[in-house]
């Protein structure tokens, strides 16, 4: 098992791109993680509230509910606020950190 862990840590991965989802999940499984993979933000939010993973990997931009929206909702709830989140994006400007260290929602023209 990877990273010297005795028991599998549970991770929730959410991405609307099936290829990215498969790659991220496969790499985490290869390191010994127990992975739950979902295809959108609504599924990610429901799964996180149900199973309380050890950490989450969320795509920043998903249709319906973005990773940032999921993260904000989960951080506002006492039972899920301490779940660490890794944000994943193919766009370098999609998520920006505010001066106080908090993540803010991306700005989109249109």
C-alpha atoms as a PDB file:
ATOM      1  CA  UNK A   1       0.000   0.000   0.000  1.00  0.00           C
ATOM      2  CA  UNK A   2       1.359   3.437  -0.933  1.00  0.00           C
ATOM      3  CA  UNK A   3       2.526   6.172   1.411  1.00  0.00           C
ATOM      4  CA  UNK A   4       3.069   3.741   4.299  1.00  0.00           C
ATOM      5  CA  UNK A   5      -0.545   3.766   5.485  1.00  0.00           C
ATOM      6  CA  UNK A   6      -1.914   0.731   7.324  1.00  0.00           C
ATOM      7  CA  UNK A   7      -5.526   1.299   6.265  1.00  0.00           C
ATOM      8  CA  UNK A   8      -6.878   2.876   3.113  1.00  0.00           C
ATOM      9  CA  UNK A   9      -7.756   6.531   3.376  1.00  0.00           C
ATOM     10  CA  UNK A  10     -10.984   7.461   1.651  1.00  0.00           C
ATOM     11  CA  UNK A  11     -10.929  10.116  -1.048  1.00  0.00           C
ATOM     12  CA  UNK A  12     -13.784  11.554  -3.065  1.00  0.00           C
ATOM     13  CA  UNK A  13     -12.910  12.653  -6.609  1.00  0.00           C
ATOM     14  CA  UNK A  14     -15.276  14.778  -8.710  1.00  0.00           C
ATOM     15  CA  UNK A  15     -14.694  15.738 -12.332  1.00  0.00           C
ATOM     16  CA  UNK A  16     -17.064  16.033 -15.270  1.00  0.00           C
ATOM     17  CA  UNK A  17     -14.364  14.882 -17.710  1.00  0.00           C
ATOM     18  CA  UNK A  18     -14.476  11.067 -17.617  1.00  0.00           C
ATOM     19  CA  UNK A  19     -10.862  10.724 -18.765  1.00  0.00           C
ATOM     20  CA  UNK A  20      -9.522  13.010 -16.033  1.00  0.00           C
ATOM     21  CA  UNK A  21     -11.729  11.255 -13.476  1.00  0.00           C
ATOM     22  CA  UNK A  22     -10.323   7.852 -14.469  1.00  0.00           C
ATOM     23  CA  UNK A  23      -6.707   9.056 -14.409  1.00  0.00           C
ATOM     24  CA  UNK A  24      -6.963  10.753 -11.010  1.00  0.00           C
ATOM     25  CA  UNK A  25      -8.863   7.812  -9.477  1.00  0.00           C
ATOM     26  CA  UNK A  26      -6.435   5.242 -10.896  1.00  0.00           C
ATOM     27  CA  UNK A  27      -3.406   7.115  -9.563  1.00  0.00           C
ATOM     28  CA  UNK A  28      -4.927   7.463  -6.101  1.00  0.00           C
ATOM     29  CA  UNK A  29      -5.894   3.779  -6.031  1.00  0.00           C
ATOM     30  CA  UNK A  30      -2.339   2.868  -7.050  1.00  0.00           C
ATOM     31  CA  UNK A  31      -1.166   4.736  -3.940  1.00  0.00           C
ATOM     32  CA  UNK A  32      -3.519   2.722  -1.747  1.00  0.00           C
ATOM     33  CA  UNK A  33      -6.437   5.116  -1.413  1.00  0.00           C
ATOM     34  CA  UNK A  34     -10.045   3.973  -1.419  1.00  0.00           C
ATOM     35  CA  UNK A  35     -11.645   6.157  -4.115  1.00  0.00           C
ATOM     36  CA  UNK A  36     -15.228   7.190  -4.720  1.00  0.00           C
ATOM     37  CA  UNK A  37     -15.511   8.882  -8.122  1.00  0.00           C
ATOM     38  CA  UNK A  38     -18.443  11.080  -9.147  1.00  0.00           C
ATOM     39  CA  UNK A  39     -19.156  13.090 -12.295  1.00  0.00           C
ATOM     40  CA  UNK A  40     -20.551  16.392 -11.011  1.00  0.00           C
ATOM     41  CA  UNK A  41     -20.691  18.816  -8.124  1.00  0.00           C
ATOM     42  CA  UNK A  42     -24.138  17.814  -6.890  1.00  0.00           C
ATOM     43  CA  UNK A  43     -23.016  14.184  -6.617  1.00  0.00           C
ATOM     44  CA  UNK A  44     -19.821  15.283  -4.877  1.00  0.00           C
ATOM     45  CA  UNK A  45     -21.695  17.320  -2.300  1.00  0.00           C
ATOM     46  CA  UNK A  46     -24.134  14.486  -1.549  1.00  0.00           C
ATOM     47  CA  UNK A  47     -21.350  11.888  -1.358  1.00  0.00           C
ATOM     48  CA  UNK A  48     -19.225  14.055   0.950  1.00  0.00           C
ATOM     49  CA  UNK A  49     -22.124  14.599   3.332  1.00  0.00           C
ATOM     50  CA  UNK A  50     -22.974  10.880   3.283  1.00  0.00           C
ATOM     51  CA  UNK A  51     -19.535   9.285   3.536  1.00  0.00           C
ATOM     52  CA  UNK A  52     -17.313  12.042   4.998  1.00  0.00           C
ATOM     53  CA  UNK A  53     -14.129  11.211   3.065  1.00  0.00           C
ATOM     54  CA  UNK A  54     -10.654  11.874   4.447  1.00  0.00           C
ATOM     55  CA  UNK A  55     -10.132  14.377   1.635  1.00  0.00           C
ATOM     56  CA  UNK A  56     -11.602  15.434  -1.708  1.00  0.00           C
ATOM     57  CA  UNK A  57     -10.303  16.273  -5.156  1.00  0.00           C
ATOM     58  CA  UNK A  58     -12.749  18.632  -6.878  1.00  0.00           C
ATOM     59  CA  UNK A  59     -12.705  19.959 -10.416  1.00  0.00           C
ATOM     60  CA  UNK A  60     -13.085  23.726 -10.180  1.00  0.00           C
ATOM     61  CA  UNK A  61     -15.374  24.030 -13.184  1.00  0.00           C
ATOM     62  CA  UNK A  62     -18.189  21.500 -13.485  1.00  0.00           C
ATOM     63  CA  UNK A  63     -21.629  22.116 -14.961  1.00  0.00           C
ATOM     64  CA  UNK A  64     -24.435  22.647 -12.483  1.00  0.00           C
ATOM     65  CA  UNK A  65     -22.332  23.051  -9.351  1.00  0.00           C
ATOM     66  CA  UNK A  66     -18.660  23.965  -9.433  1.00  0.00           C
ATOM     67  CA  UNK A  67     -16.002  22.549  -7.160  1.00  0.00           C
ATOM     68  CA  UNK A  68     -15.723  25.958  -5.513  1.00  0.00           C
ATOM     69  CA  UNK A  69     -19.459  25.975  -4.757  1.00  0.00           C
ATOM     70  CA  UNK A  70     -19.261  22.453  -3.339  1.00  0.00           C
ATOM     71  CA  UNK A  71     -16.280  23.415  -1.212  1.00  0.00           C
ATOM     72  CA  UNK A  72     -18.010  26.554   0.101  1.00  0.00           C
ATOM     73  CA  UNK A  73     -21.146  24.615   1.024  1.00  0.00           C
ATOM     74  CA  UNK A  74     -19.202  21.867   2.790  1.00  0.00           C
ATOM     75  CA  UNK A  75     -17.037  24.379   4.650  1.00  0.00           C
ATOM     76  CA  UNK A  76     -20.176  26.095   5.957  1.00  0.00           C
ATOM     77  CA  UNK A  77     -21.417  22.898   7.644  1.00  0.00           C
ATOM     78  CA  UNK A  78     -19.896  21.777  10.972  1.00  0.00           C
ATOM     79  CA  UNK A  79     -19.896  18.085  10.021  1.00  0.00           C
ATOM     80  CA  UNK A  80     -17.934  18.614   6.778  1.00  0.00           C
ATOM     81  CA  UNK A  81     -15.953  21.830   7.288  1.00  0.00           C
ATOM     82  CA  UNK A  82     -12.719  20.037   8.202  1.00  0.00           C
ATOM     83  CA  UNK A  83     -12.517  17.830   5.102  1.00  0.00           C
ATOM     84  CA  UNK A  84      -9.408  18.920   3.157  1.00  0.00           C
ATOM     85  CA  UNK A  85      -9.996  19.806  -0.493  1.00  0.00           C
ATOM     86  CA  UNK A  86      -7.622  19.699  -3.455  1.00  0.00           C
ATOM     87  CA  UNK A  87      -8.885  21.833  -6.349  1.00  0.00           C
ATOM     88  CA  UNK A  88      -8.190  20.533  -9.828  1.00  0.00           C
ATOM     89  CA  UNK A  89      -8.433  22.614 -12.982  1.00  0.00           C
ATOM     90  CA  UNK A  90      -7.083  22.713 -16.488  1.00  0.00           C
ATOM     91  CA  UNK A  91      -7.334  26.521 -16.533  1.00  0.00           C
ATOM     92  CA  UNK A  92      -4.632  28.450 -14.760  1.00  0.00           C
ATOM     93  CA  UNK A  93      -6.914  31.427 -14.105  1.00  0.00           C
ATOM     94  CA  UNK A  94     -10.005  29.508 -12.949  1.00  0.00           C
ATOM     95  CA  UNK A  95      -9.443  29.838  -9.209  1.00  0.00           C
ATOM     96  CA  UNK A  96      -7.755  32.734  -7.526  1.00  0.00           C
ATOM     97  CA  UNK A  97      -6.737  33.193  -3.944  1.00  0.00           C
ATOM     98  CA  UNK A  98      -7.803  36.372  -2.186  1.00  0.00           C
ATOM     99  CA  UNK A  99      -5.323  38.424  -0.175  1.00  0.00           C
ATOM    100  CA  UNK A 100      -6.639  36.832   3.058  1.00  0.00           C
ATOM    101  CA  UNK A 101      -5.731  33.358   1.766  1.00  0.00           C
ATOM    102  CA  UNK A 102      -9.301  32.279   1.019  1.00  0.00           C
ATOM    103  CA  UNK A 103     -10.318  31.003  -2.404  1.00  0.00           C
ATOM    104  CA  UNK A 104     -12.746  33.079  -4.364  1.00  0.00           C
ATOM    105  CA  UNK A 105     -15.006  32.171  -7.183  1.00  0.00           C
ATOM    106  CA  UNK A 106     -13.614  32.676 -10.698  1.00  0.00           C
ATOM    107  CA  UNK A 107     -14.677  35.678 -12.730  1.00  0.00           C
ATOM    108  CA  UNK A 108     -16.164  34.894 -16.115  1.00  0.00           C
ATOM    109  CA  UNK A 109     -16.884  37.372 -18.868  1.00  0.00           C
ATOM    110  CA  UNK A 110     -20.024  36.838 -20.776  1.00  0.00           C
END
